[in-house]
Amino acid sequence: MSGPEPEAVAGPGGPGLPAGPAEAVGPAEPQPLGVVVTPTGDAAIDARLGRLADADHLPASGHLEVYEDVHRGLRDALAALDQRPGPPAPSSTTHDIRS
């Protein structure tokens, strides 16, 4: 035969739950993910990647704006590579320097 059942204590969680520290009501504060971004050596790209840290201080609803901004900047940087003149193309004619 077992002893009497323990009496339920009315705590912050309601009747039947143990009393404990009060929990915050509402969403928790944003917590940094702690993702480390390795510098690329390109100042413009590094600045864009550094912007990702802004998401650490925003609620999840604000992350999309940061991610889209970073994506747009990286896409523009890649597109700019196509606009830069590269080295001259090799000549299609062969010159005989023995003449």
PDB file of N, CA and C in Angstrom:
ATOM      1  N   MET A   1       0.844  -1.166   0.000  1.00  0.00           N
ATOM      2  CA  MET A   1       0.000   0.000   0.000  1.00  0.00           C
ATOM      3  C   MET A   1       0.889   1.228   0.000  1.00  0.00           C
ATOM      4  N   SER A   2       0.561   2.195  -0.819  1.00  0.00           N
ATOM      5  CA  SER A   2       1.390   3.389  -0.904  1.00  0.00           C
ATOM      6  C   SER A   2       0.824   4.465  -0.004  1.00  0.00           C
ATOM      7  N   GLY A   3       1.668   5.481   0.256  1.00  0.00           N
ATOM      8  CA  GLY A   3       1.277   6.574   1.135  1.00  0.00           C
ATOM      9  C   GLY A   3       0.345   7.525   0.423  1.00  0.00           C
ATOM     10  N   PRO A   4      -0.052   8.583   1.105  1.00  0.00           N
ATOM     11  CA  PRO A   4      -0.957   9.545   0.479  1.00  0.00           C
ATOM     12  C   PRO A   4      -0.279  10.227  -0.706  1.00  0.00           C
ATOM     13  N   GLU A   5      -1.057  10.569  -1.697  1.00  0.00           N
ATOM     14  CA  GLU A   5      -0.512  11.243  -2.877  1.00  0.00           C
ATOM     15  C   GLU A   5      -0.151  12.677  -2.531  1.00  0.00           C
ATOM     16  N   PRO A   6       0.974  13.183  -3.125  1.00  0.00           N
ATOM     17  CA  PRO A   6       1.359  14.565  -2.835  1.00  0.00           C
ATOM     18  C   PRO A   6       0.292  15.520  -3.326  1.00  0.00           C
ATOM     19  N   GLU A   7       0.146  16.589  -2.592  1.00  0.00           N
ATOM     20  CA  GLU A   7      -0.831  17.607  -2.933  1.00  0.00           C
ATOM     21  C   GLU A   7      -0.310  18.441  -4.091  1.00  0.00           C
ATOM     22  N   ALA A   8      -1.166  18.724  -5.051  1.00  0.00           N
ATOM     23  CA  ALA A   8      -0.774  19.550  -6.183  1.00  0.00           C
ATOM     24  C   ALA A   8      -0.590  20.982  -5.706  1.00  0.00           C
ATOM     25  N   VAL A   9       0.447  21.608  -6.218  1.00  0.00           N
ATOM     26  CA  VAL A   9       0.736  22.995  -5.871  1.00  0.00           C
ATOM     27  C   VAL A   9       0.355  23.857  -7.064  1.00  0.00           C
ATOM     28  N   ALA A  10      -0.352  24.903  -6.801  1.00  0.00           N
ATOM     29  CA  ALA A  10      -0.702  25.821  -7.888  1.00  0.00           C
ATOM     30  C   ALA A  10       0.489  26.735  -8.138  1.00  0.00           C
ATOM     31  N   GLY A  11       1.156  26.540  -9.259  1.00  0.00           N
ATOM     32  CA  GLY A  11       2.320  27.350  -9.606  1.00  0.00           C
ATOM     33  C   GLY A  11       2.021  28.180 -10.830  1.00  0.00           C
ATOM     34  N   PRO A  12       3.058  28.776 -11.422  1.00  0.00           N
ATOM     35  CA  PRO A  12       2.868  29.630 -12.587  1.00  0.00           C
ATOM     36  C   PRO A  12       2.234  28.896 -13.761  1.00  0.00           C
ATOM     37  N   GLY A  13       2.437  27.572 -13.814  1.00  0.00           N
ATOM     38  CA  GLY A  13       1.878  26.800 -14.924  1.00  0.00           C
ATOM     39  C   GLY A  13       0.441  26.407 -14.691  1.00  0.00           C
ATOM     40  N   GLY A  14      -0.091  26.671 -13.537  1.00  0.00           N
ATOM     41  CA  GLY A  14      -1.477  26.329 -13.251  1.00  0.00           C
ATOM     42  C   GLY A  14      -1.562  25.253 -12.192  1.00  0.00           C
ATOM     43  N   PRO A  15      -2.768  24.864 -11.799  1.00  0.00           N
ATOM     44  CA  PRO A  15      -2.937  23.845 -10.774  1.00  0.00           C
ATOM     45  C   PRO A  15      -2.352  22.512 -11.224  1.00  0.00           C
ATOM     46  N   GLY A  16      -1.740  21.825 -10.313  1.00  0.00           N
ATOM     47  CA  GLY A  16      -1.175  20.515 -10.599  1.00  0.00           C
ATOM     48  C   GLY A  16       0.255  20.575 -11.089  1.00  0.00           C
ATOM     49  N   LEU A  17       0.778  21.756 -11.359  1.00  0.00           N
ATOM     50  CA  LEU A  17       2.158  21.889 -11.806  1.00  0.00           C
ATOM     51  C   LEU A  17       2.982  22.501 -10.687  1.00  0.00           C
ATOM     52  N   PRO A  18       4.213  22.072 -10.548  1.00  0.00           N
ATOM     53  CA  PRO A  18       5.029  22.604  -9.461  1.00  0.00           C
ATOM     54  C   PRO A  18       5.277  24.096  -9.609  1.00  0.00           C
ATOM     55  N   ALA A  19       5.418  24.738  -8.469  1.00  0.00           N
ATOM     56  CA  ALA A  19       5.746  26.156  -8.482  1.00  0.00           C
ATOM     57  C   ALA A  19       7.170  26.315  -8.970  1.00  0.00           C
ATOM     58  N   GLY A  20       7.453  27.347  -9.721  1.00  0.00           N
ATOM     59  CA  GLY A  20       8.800  27.581 -10.239  1.00  0.00           C
ATOM     60  C   GLY A  20       8.918  29.026 -10.657  1.00  0.00           C
ATOM     61  N   PRO A  21      10.058  29.377 -11.224  1.00  0.00           N
ATOM     62  CA  PRO A  21      10.233  30.761 -11.652  1.00  0.00           C
ATOM     63  C   PRO A  21       9.213  31.106 -12.730  1.00  0.00           C
ATOM     64  N   ALA A  22       8.749  32.324 -12.683  1.00  0.00           N
ATOM     65  CA  ALA A  22       7.773  32.770 -13.677  1.00  0.00           C
ATOM     66  C   ALA A  22       8.446  32.830 -15.043  1.00  0.00           C
ATOM     67  N   GLU A  23       7.756  32.313 -16.052  1.00  0.00           N
ATOM     68  CA  GLU A  23       8.282  32.351 -17.412  1.00  0.00           C
ATOM     69  C   GLU A  23       7.774  33.602 -18.099  1.00  0.00           C
ATOM     70  N   ALA A  24       8.595  34.143 -18.979  1.00  0.00           N
ATOM     71  CA  ALA A  24       8.207  35.345 -19.716  1.00  0.00           C
ATOM     72  C   ALA A  24       7.033  35.018 -20.621  1.00  0.00           C
ATOM     73  N   VAL A  25       6.114  35.923 -20.711  1.00  0.00           N
ATOM     74  CA  VAL A  25       4.976  35.756 -21.593  1.00  0.00           C
ATOM     75  C   VAL A  25       5.315  36.448 -22.901  1.00  0.00           C
ATOM     76  N   GLY A  26       5.055  35.773 -24.009  1.00  0.00           N
ATOM     77  CA  GLY A  26       5.348  36.359 -25.307  1.00  0.00           C
ATOM     78  C   GLY A  26       6.625  35.770 -25.878  1.00  0.00           C
ATOM     79  N   PRO A  27       6.984  36.226 -27.066  1.00  0.00           N
ATOM     80  CA  PRO A  27       8.177  35.661 -27.716  1.00  0.00           C
ATOM     81  C   PRO A  27       9.462  36.043 -26.985  1.00  0.00           C
ATOM     82  N   ALA A  28      10.405  35.138 -27.038  1.00  0.00           N
ATOM     83  CA  ALA A  28      11.713  35.386 -26.425  1.00  0.00           C
ATOM     84  C   ALA A  28      12.474  36.402 -27.264  1.00  0.00           C
ATOM     85  N   GLU A  29      13.439  37.045 -26.653  1.00  0.00           N
ATOM     86  CA  GLU A  29      14.290  37.991 -27.367  1.00  0.00           C
ATOM     87  C   GLU A  29      15.107  37.235 -28.416  1.00  0.00           C
ATOM     88  N   PRO A  30      15.447  37.900 -29.533  1.00  0.00           N
ATOM     89  CA  PRO A  30      16.284  37.238 -30.543  1.00  0.00           C
ATOM     90  C   PRO A  30      17.616  36.827 -29.937  1.00  0.00           C
ATOM     91  N   GLN A  31      18.089  35.660 -30.307  1.00  0.00           N
ATOM     92  CA  GLN A  31      19.363  35.146 -29.842  1.00  0.00           C
ATOM     93  C   GLN A  31      20.307  35.010 -31.031  1.00  0.00           C
ATOM     94  N   PRO A  32      21.538  35.522 -30.920  1.00  0.00           N
ATOM     95  CA  PRO A  32      22.499  35.382 -32.025  1.00  0.00           C
ATOM     96  C   PRO A  32      22.770  33.921 -32.327  1.00  0.00           C
ATOM     97  N   LEU A  33      22.928  33.614 -33.600  1.00  0.00           N
ATOM     98  CA  LEU A  33      23.241  32.250 -34.010  1.00  0.00           C
ATOM     99  C   LEU A  33      24.719  31.931 -33.829  1.00  0.00           C
ATOM    100  N   GLY A  34      25.541  32.964 -33.817  1.00  0.00           N
ATOM    101  CA  GLY A  34      26.972  32.751 -33.638  1.00  0.00           C
ATOM    102  C   GLY A  34      27.659  32.196 -34.873  1.00  0.00           C
ATOM    103  N   VAL A  35      27.096  32.437 -36.044  1.00  0.00           N
ATOM    104  CA  VAL A  35      27.698  31.954 -37.285  1.00  0.00           C
ATOM    105  C   VAL A  35      28.907  32.820 -37.595  1.00  0.00           C
ATOM    106  N   VAL A  36      30.019  32.183 -37.861  1.00  0.00           N
ATOM    107  CA  VAL A  36      31.256  32.898 -38.179  1.00  0.00           C
ATOM    108  C   VAL A  36      31.365  33.020 -39.692  1.00  0.00           C
ATOM    109  N   VAL A  37      31.616  34.241 -40.162  1.00  0.00           N
ATOM    110  CA  VAL A  37      31.779  34.490 -41.593  1.00  0.00           C
ATOM    111  C   VAL A  37      33.253  34.742 -41.842  1.00  0.00           C
ATOM    112  N   THR A  38      33.853  33.937 -42.681  1.00  0.00           N
ATOM    113  CA  THR A  38      35.267  34.079 -43.026  1.00  0.00           C
ATOM    114  C   THR A  38      35.426  35.179 -44.064  1.00  0.00           C
ATOM    115  N   PRO A  39      36.288  36.157 -43.809  1.00  0.00           N
ATOM    116  CA  PRO A  39      36.497  37.237 -44.786  1.00  0.00           C
ATOM    117  C   PRO A  39      36.980  36.683 -46.125  1.00  0.00           C
ATOM    118  N   THR A  40      36.490  37.291 -47.197  1.00  0.00           N
ATOM    119  CA  THR A  40      36.864  36.856 -48.543  1.00  0.00           C
ATOM    120  C   THR A  40      38.059  37.628 -49.090  1.00  0.00           C
ATOM    121  N   GLY A  41      38.310  38.811 -48.514  1.00  0.00           N
ATOM    122  CA  GLY A  41      39.364  39.662 -49.033  1.00  0.00           C
ATOM    123  C   GLY A  41      38.837  40.738 -49.965  1.00  0.00           C
ATOM    124  N   ASP A  42      37.589  40.625 -50.364  1.00  0.00           N
ATOM    125  CA  ASP A  42      36.947  41.644 -51.197  1.00  0.00           C
ATOM    126  C   ASP A  42      36.074  42.479 -50.269  1.00  0.00           C
ATOM    127  N   ALA A  43      36.402  43.760 -50.137  1.00  0.00           N
ATOM    128  CA  ALA A  43      35.721  44.631 -49.171  1.00  0.00           C
ATOM    129  C   ALA A  43      34.216  44.699 -49.410  1.00  0.00           C
ATOM    130  N   ALA A  44      33.788  44.784 -50.658  1.00  0.00           N
ATOM    131  CA  ALA A  44      32.359  44.885 -50.960  1.00  0.00           C
ATOM    132  C   ALA A  44      31.618  43.609 -50.562  1.00  0.00           C
ATOM    133  N   ILE A  45      32.204  42.473 -50.855  1.00  0.00           N
ATOM    134  CA  ILE A  45      31.578  41.190 -50.507  1.00  0.00           C
ATOM    135  C   ILE A  45      31.577  41.008 -48.997  1.00  0.00           C
ATOM    136  N   ASP A  46      32.690  41.328 -48.355  1.00  0.00           N
ATOM    137  CA  ASP A  46      32.769  41.185 -46.902  1.00  0.00           C
ATOM    138  C   ASP A  46      31.741  42.074 -46.201  1.00  0.00           C
ATOM    139  N   ALA A  47      31.498  43.264 -46.733  1.00  0.00           N
ATOM    140  CA  ALA A  47      30.495  44.155 -46.148  1.00  0.00           C
ATOM    141  C   ALA A  47      29.104  43.545 -46.264  1.00  0.00           C
ATOM    142  N   ARG A  48      28.816  42.948 -47.410  1.00  0.00           N
ATOM    143  CA  ARG A  48      27.513  42.290 -47.600  1.00  0.00           C
ATOM    144  C   ARG A  48      27.348  41.118 -46.642  1.00  0.00           C
ATOM    145  N   LEU A  49      28.381  40.292 -46.541  1.00  0.00           N
ATOM    146  CA  LEU A  49      28.301  39.145 -45.635  1.00  0.00           C
ATOM    147  C   LEU A  49      28.212  39.598 -44.181  1.00  0.00           C
ATOM    148  N   GLY A  50      28.878  40.703 -43.854  1.00  0.00           N
ATOM    149  CA  GLY A  50      28.806  41.246 -42.499  1.00  0.00           C
ATOM    150  C   GLY A  50      27.393  41.697 -42.149  1.00  0.00           C
ATOM    151  N   ARG A  51      26.630  42.078 -43.155  1.00  0.00           N
ATOM    152  CA  ARG A  51      25.239  42.496 -42.932  1.00  0.00           C
ATOM    153  C   ARG A  51      24.392  41.356 -42.393  1.00  0.00           C
ATOM    154  N   LEU A  52      24.792  40.115 -42.627  1.00  0.00           N
ATOM    155  CA  LEU A  52      24.040  38.973 -42.097  1.00  0.00           C
ATOM    156  C   LEU A  52      23.949  39.020 -40.574  1.00  0.00           C
ATOM    157  N   ALA A  53      24.940  39.613 -39.923  1.00  0.00           N
ATOM    158  CA  ALA A  53      24.925  39.711 -38.462  1.00  0.00           C
ATOM    159  C   ALA A  53      23.756  40.566 -37.979  1.00  0.00           C
ATOM    160  N   ASP A  54      23.225  41.440 -38.835  1.00  0.00           N
ATOM    161  CA  ASP A  54      22.071  42.256 -38.450  1.00  0.00           C
ATOM    162  C   ASP A  54      20.869  41.387 -38.104  1.00  0.00           C
ATOM    163  N   ALA A  55      20.767  40.225 -38.722  1.00  0.00           N
ATOM    164  CA  ALA A  55      19.640  39.327 -38.451  1.00  0.00           C
ATOM    165  C   ALA A  55      19.675  38.805 -37.016  1.00  0.00           C
ATOM    166  N   ASP A  56      20.851  38.777 -36.396  1.00  0.00           N
ATOM    167  CA  ASP A  56      20.960  38.298 -35.017  1.00  0.00           C
ATOM    168  C   ASP A  56      20.186  39.177 -34.035  1.00  0.00           C
ATOM    169  N   HIS A  57      19.943  40.412 -34.400  1.00  0.00           N
ATOM    170  CA  HIS A  57      19.310  41.352 -33.480  1.00  0.00           C
ATOM    171  C   HIS A  57      17.852  41.612 -33.830  1.00  0.00           C
ATOM    172  N   LEU A  58      17.334  40.850 -34.775  1.00  0.00           N
ATOM    173  CA  LEU A  58      15.962  41.057 -35.232  1.00  0.00           C
ATOM    174  C   LEU A  58      15.118  39.828 -34.936  1.00  0.00           C
ATOM    175  N   PRO A  59      13.823  40.017 -34.744  1.00  0.00           N
ATOM    176  CA  PRO A  59      12.953  38.840 -34.656  1.00  0.00           C
ATOM    177  C   PRO A  59      12.928  38.151 -36.021  1.00  0.00           C
ATOM    178  N   ALA A  60      12.494  36.930 -36.065  1.00  0.00           N
ATOM    179  CA  ALA A  60      12.489  36.148 -37.309  1.00  0.00           C
ATOM    180  C   ALA A  60      11.758  36.875 -38.435  1.00  0.00           C
ATOM    181  N   SER A  61      10.750  37.658 -38.102  1.00  0.00           N
ATOM    182  CA  SER A  61       9.999  38.369 -39.137  1.00  0.00           C
ATOM    183  C   SER A  61      10.858  39.398 -39.867  1.00  0.00           C
ATOM    184  N   GLY A  62      11.981  39.817 -39.296  1.00  0.00           N
ATOM    185  CA  GLY A  62      12.856  40.784 -39.941  1.00  0.00           C
ATOM    186  C   GLY A  62      14.004  40.166 -40.710  1.00  0.00           C
ATOM    187  N   HIS A  63      14.157  38.852 -40.617  1.00  0.00           N
ATOM    188  CA  HIS A  63      15.278  38.187 -41.285  1.00  0.00           C
ATOM    189  C   HIS A  63      15.178  38.257 -42.797  1.00  0.00           C
ATOM    190  N   LEU A  64      13.984  38.102 -43.334  1.00  0.00           N
ATOM    191  CA  LEU A  64      13.819  38.057 -44.785  1.00  0.00           C
ATOM    192  C   LEU A  64      14.380  39.310 -45.449  1.00  0.00           C
ATOM    193  N   GLU A  65      14.112  40.471 -44.876  1.00  0.00           N
ATOM    194  CA  GLU A  65      14.607  41.715 -45.456  1.00  0.00           C
ATOM    195  C   GLU A  65      16.134  41.728 -45.506  1.00  0.00           C
ATOM    196  N   VAL A  66      16.777  41.264 -44.431  1.00  0.00           N
ATOM    197  CA  VAL A  66      18.242  41.226 -44.388  1.00  0.00           C
ATOM    198  C   VAL A  66      18.764  40.241 -45.436  1.00  0.00           C
ATOM    199  N   TYR A  67      18.180  39.040 -45.486  1.00  0.00           N
ATOM    200  CA  TYR A  67      18.647  38.027 -46.438  1.00  0.00           C
ATOM    201  C   TYR A  67      18.471  38.492 -47.872  1.00  0.00           C
ATOM    202  N   GLU A  68      17.334  39.129 -48.172  1.00  0.00           N
ATOM    203  CA  GLU A  68      17.109  39.617 -49.535  1.00  0.00           C
ATOM    204  C   GLU A  68      18.094  40.722 -49.892  1.00  0.00           C
ATOM    205  N   ASP A  69      18.411  41.593 -48.933  1.00  0.00           N
ATOM    206  CA  ASP A  69      19.370  42.664 -49.181  1.00  0.00           C
ATOM    207  C   ASP A  69      20.756  42.089 -49.469  1.00  0.00           C
ATOM    208  N   VAL A  70      21.165  41.118 -48.666  1.00  0.00           N
ATOM    209  CA  VAL A  70      22.476  40.488 -48.877  1.00  0.00           C
ATOM    210  C   VAL A  70      22.500  39.761 -50.219  1.00  0.00           C
ATOM    211  N   HIS A  71      21.448  39.021 -50.521  1.00  0.00           N
ATOM    212  CA  HIS A  71      21.383  38.289 -51.791  1.00  0.00           C
ATOM    213  C   HIS A  71      21.455  39.240 -52.975  1.00  0.00           C
ATOM    214  N   ARG A  72      20.705  40.350 -52.897  1.00  0.00           N
ATOM    215  CA  ARG A  72      20.715  41.345 -53.977  1.00  0.00           C
ATOM    216  C   ARG A  72      22.128  41.910 -54.165  1.00  0.00           C
ATOM    217  N   GLY A  73      22.795  42.235 -53.065  1.00  0.00           N
ATOM    218  CA  GLY A  73      24.144  42.791 -53.155  1.00  0.00           C
ATOM    219  C   GLY A  73      25.145  41.809 -53.740  1.00  0.00           C
ATOM    220  N   LEU A  74      25.047  40.548 -53.335  1.00  0.00           N
ATOM    221  CA  LEU A  74      25.963  39.533 -53.876  1.00  0.00           C
ATOM    222  C   LEU A  74      25.678  39.279 -55.356  1.00  0.00           C
ATOM    223  N   ARG A  75      24.408  39.260 -55.714  1.00  0.00           N
ATOM    224  CA  ARG A  75      24.034  39.064 -57.122  1.00  0.00           C
ATOM    225  C   ARG A  75      24.552  40.220 -57.972  1.00  0.00           C
ATOM    226  N   ASP A  76      24.427  41.458 -57.466  1.00  0.00           N
ATOM    227  CA  ASP A  76      24.924  42.629 -58.196  1.00  0.00           C
ATOM    228  C   ASP A  76      26.449  42.572 -58.345  1.00  0.00           C
ATOM    229  N   ALA A  77      27.128  42.106 -57.307  1.00  0.00           N
ATOM    230  CA  ALA A  77      28.590  41.997 -57.376  1.00  0.00           C
ATOM    231  C   ALA A  77      28.997  40.973 -58.434  1.00  0.00           C
ATOM    232  N   LEU A  78      28.269  39.863 -58.511  1.00  0.00           N
ATOM    233  CA  LEU A  78      28.570  38.867 -59.545  1.00  0.00           C
ATOM    234  C   LEU A  78      28.276  39.413 -60.940  1.00  0.00           C
ATOM    235  N   ALA A  79      27.184  40.132 -61.089  1.00  0.00           N
ATOM    236  CA  ALA A  79      26.833  40.709 -62.392  1.00  0.00           C
ATOM    237  C   ALA A  79      27.882  41.735 -62.823  1.00  0.00           C
ATOM    238  N   ALA A  80      28.435  42.453 -61.856  1.00  0.00           N
ATOM    239  CA  ALA A  80      29.456  43.457 -62.178  1.00  0.00           C
ATOM    240  C   ALA A  80      30.718  42.804 -62.729  1.00  0.00           C
ATOM    241  N   LEU A  81      30.979  41.577 -62.352  1.00  0.00           N
ATOM    242  CA  LEU A  81      32.151  40.875 -62.891  1.00  0.00           C
ATOM    243  C   LEU A  81      32.038  40.708 -64.401  1.00  0.00           C
ATOM    244  N   ASP A  82      30.813  40.543 -64.885  1.00  0.00           N
ATOM    245  CA  ASP A  82      30.603  40.404 -66.324  1.00  0.00           C
ATOM    246  C   ASP A  82      30.808  41.719 -67.058  1.00  0.00           C
ATOM    247  N   GLN A  83      30.717  42.831 -66.348  1.00  0.00           N
ATOM    248  CA  GLN A  83      30.844  44.148 -66.957  1.00  0.00           C
ATOM    249  C   GLN A  83      32.294  44.615 -67.048  1.00  0.00           C
ATOM    250  N   ARG A  84      33.150  44.050 -66.230  1.00  0.00           N
ATOM    251  CA  ARG A  84      34.563  44.476 -66.232  1.00  0.00           C
ATOM    252  C   ARG A  84      35.270  43.924 -67.457  1.00  0.00           C
ATOM    253  N   PRO A  85      36.097  44.750 -68.084  1.00  0.00           N
ATOM    254  CA  PRO A  85      36.859  44.215 -69.221  1.00  0.00           C
ATOM    255  C   PRO A  85      37.928  43.252 -68.709  1.00  0.00           C
ATOM    256  N   GLY A  86      38.031  42.163 -69.365  1.00  0.00           N
ATOM    257  CA  GLY A  86      39.048  41.177 -69.003  1.00  0.00           C
ATOM    258  C   GLY A  86      40.303  41.393 -69.820  1.00  0.00           C
ATOM    259  N   PRO A  87      41.217  40.456 -69.738  1.00  0.00           N
ATOM    260  CA  PRO A  87      42.437  40.575 -70.550  1.00  0.00           C
ATOM    261  C   PRO A  87      42.076  40.471 -72.030  1.00  0.00           C
ATOM    262  N   PRO A  88      42.875  41.071 -72.883  1.00  0.00           N
ATOM    263  CA  PRO A  88      42.563  41.001 -74.315  1.00  0.00           C
ATOM    264  C   PRO A  88      42.583  39.563 -74.806  1.00  0.00           C
ATOM    265  N   ALA A  89      41.693  39.286 -75.713  1.00  0.00           N
ATOM    266  CA  ALA A  89      41.619  37.944 -76.290  1.00  0.00           C
ATOM    267  C   ALA A  89      42.833  37.724 -77.192  1.00  0.00           C
ATOM    268  N   PRO A  90      43.294  36.496 -77.277  1.00  0.00           N
ATOM    269  CA  PRO A  90      44.433  36.222 -78.166  1.00  0.00           C
ATOM    270  C   PRO A  90      44.046  36.517 -79.615  1.00  0.00           C
ATOM    271  N   SER A  91      45.010  36.976 -80.353  1.00  0.00           N
ATOM    272  CA  SER A  91      44.775  37.312 -81.753  1.00  0.00           C
ATOM    273  C   SER A  91      44.496  36.043 -82.539  1.00  0.00           C
ATOM    274  N   SER A  92      43.601  36.143 -83.480  1.00  0.00           N
ATOM    275  CA  SER A  92      43.263  34.969 -84.288  1.00  0.00           C
ATOM    276  C   SER A  92      44.235  34.794 -85.457  1.00  0.00           C
ATOM    277  N   THR A  93      45.065  35.777 -85.702  1.00  0.00           N
ATOM    278  CA  THR A  93      46.055  35.659 -86.783  1.00  0.00           C
ATOM    279  C   THR A  93      47.413  35.362 -86.181  1.00  0.00           C
ATOM    280  N   THR A  94      48.186  34.579 -86.882  1.00  0.00           N
ATOM    281  CA  THR A  94      49.524  34.227 -86.426  1.00  0.00           C
ATOM    282  C   THR A  94      50.518  35.054 -87.212  1.00  0.00           C
ATOM    283  N   HIS A  95      51.426  35.690 -86.508  1.00  0.00           N
ATOM    284  CA  HIS A  95      52.458  36.495 -87.160  1.00  0.00           C
ATOM    285  C   HIS A  95      53.743  35.682 -87.175  1.00  0.00           C
ATOM    286  N   ASP A  96      54.351  35.655 -88.322  1.00  0.00           N
ATOM    287  CA  ASP A  96      55.636  34.972 -88.444  1.00  0.00           C
ATOM    288  C   ASP A  96      56.713  36.023 -88.212  1.00  0.00           C
ATOM    289  N   ILE A  97      57.414  35.926 -87.103  1.00  0.00           N
ATOM    290  CA  ILE A  97      58.421  36.921 -86.760  1.00  0.00           C
ATOM    291  C   ILE A  97      59.763  36.654 -87.451  1.00  0.00           C
ATOM    292  N   ARG A  98      59.851  35.608 -88.258  1.00  0.00           N
ATOM    293  CA  ARG A  98      61.102  35.299 -88.953  1.00  0.00           C
ATOM    294  C   ARG A  98      61.259  36.100 -90.242  1.00  0.00           C
ATOM    295  N   SER A  99      60.273  36.779 -90.696  1.00  0.00           N
ATOM    296  CA  SER A  99      60.384  37.436 -91.973  1.00  0.00           C
ATOM    297  C   SER A  99      61.295  38.614 -91.969  1.00  0.00           C
TER     298      SER A  99
END
